[in-house]
C-alpha atoms as a PDB file:
ATOM      1  CA  UNK A   1     106.591 105.886  93.533  1.00  0.00           C
ATOM      2  CA  UNK A   2     108.200 106.969  96.721  1.00  0.00           C
ATOM      3  CA  UNK A   3     109.612 104.674  99.343  1.00  0.00           C
ATOM      4  CA  UNK A   4     108.045 104.302 102.770  1.00  0.00           C
ATOM      5  CA  UNK A   5     110.582 106.530 104.560  1.00  0.00           C
ATOM      6  CA  UNK A   6     110.092 109.497 102.261  1.00  0.00           C
ATOM      7  CA  UNK A   7     106.333 108.980 102.293  1.00  0.00           C
ATOM      8  CA  UNK A   8     106.372 109.008 106.107  1.00  0.00           C
ATOM      9  CA  UNK A   9     108.473 112.171 106.234  1.00  0.00           C
ATOM     10  CA  UNK A  10     106.181 113.934 103.756  1.00  0.00           C
ATOM     11  CA  UNK A  11     103.081 112.956 105.731  1.00  0.00           C
ATOM     12  CA  UNK A  12     104.596 114.116 109.034  1.00  0.00           C
ATOM     13  CA  UNK A  13     105.545 117.479 107.537  1.00  0.00           C
ATOM     14  CA  UNK A  14     102.015 117.991 106.264  1.00  0.00           C
ATOM     15  CA  UNK A  15     100.521 116.995 109.631  1.00  0.00           C
ATOM     16  CA  UNK A  16     102.696 119.573 111.390  1.00  0.00           C
ATOM     17  CA  UNK A  17     101.683 122.247 108.860  1.00  0.00           C
ATOM     18  CA  UNK A  18      97.958 121.447 109.172  1.00  0.00           C
ATOM     19  CA  UNK A  19      96.363 124.456 110.832  1.00  0.00           C
ATOM     20  CA  UNK A  20      92.825 123.121 111.221  1.00  0.00           C
ATOM     21  CA  UNK A  21      90.891 119.868 111.288  1.00  0.00           C
ATOM     22  CA  UNK A  22      89.850 120.125 107.649  1.00  0.00           C
ATOM     23  CA  UNK A  23      93.436 120.303 106.418  1.00  0.00           C
ATOM     24  CA  UNK A  24      94.431 117.474 108.765  1.00  0.00           C
ATOM     25  CA  UNK A  25      91.579 115.365 107.392  1.00  0.00           C
ATOM     26  CA  UNK A  26      92.794 116.101 103.861  1.00  0.00           C
ATOM     27  CA  UNK A  27      96.261 114.813 104.771  1.00  0.00           C
ATOM     28  CA  UNK A  28      94.676 111.644 106.155  1.00  0.00           C
ATOM     29  CA  UNK A  29      92.668 111.093 102.988  1.00  0.00           C
ATOM     30  CA  UNK A  30      95.638 111.868 100.721  1.00  0.00           C
ATOM     31  CA  UNK A  31      97.819 109.281 102.428  1.00  0.00           C
ATOM     32  CA  UNK A  32      95.443 106.665 103.817  1.00  0.00           C
ATOM     33  CA  UNK A  33      92.375 106.954 101.611  1.00  0.00           C
ATOM     34  CA  UNK A  34      91.253 104.484  98.974  1.00  0.00           C
ATOM     35  CA  UNK A  35      93.442 106.151  96.342  1.00  0.00           C
ATOM     36  CA  UNK A  36      95.983 107.524  98.799  1.00  0.00           C
ATOM     37  CA  UNK A  37      99.764 107.467  98.588  1.00  0.00           C
ATOM     38  CA  UNK A  38     100.268 104.694 101.162  1.00  0.00           C
ATOM     39  CA  UNK A  39      97.477 102.597  99.684  1.00  0.00           C
ATOM     40  CA  UNK A  40      99.087 102.854  96.244  1.00  0.00           C
ATOM     41  CA  UNK A  41     102.475 101.895  97.670  1.00  0.00           C
ATOM     42  CA  UNK A  42     101.020  98.831  99.365  1.00  0.00           C
ATOM     43  CA  UNK A  43      99.196  97.764  96.205  1.00  0.00           C
ATOM     44  CA  UNK A  44     102.351  98.025  94.087  1.00  0.00           C
ATOM     45  CA  UNK A  45     105.309  97.166  96.315  1.00  0.00           C
ATOM     46  CA  UNK A  46     108.774  97.181  94.811  1.00  0.00           C
ATOM     47  CA  UNK A  47     110.988  94.174  95.388  1.00  0.00           C
ATOM     48  CA  UNK A  48     113.699  94.711  97.981  1.00  0.00           C
ATOM     49  CA  UNK A  49     117.165  95.377  96.601  1.00  0.00           C
ATOM     50  CA  UNK A  50     119.894  93.332  98.219  1.00  0.00           C
END
């Protein structure tokens, strides 16, 4: 699983590359949907390393 920073960077890159509303909606679903990347990260957080 990726960390939040890399997940954010990946999402921003895909948003910039989205050339229409359908592809932008797909990015939203892929990251924020029920089985999306961010949702999965929040369900299974890793403990912070000190």
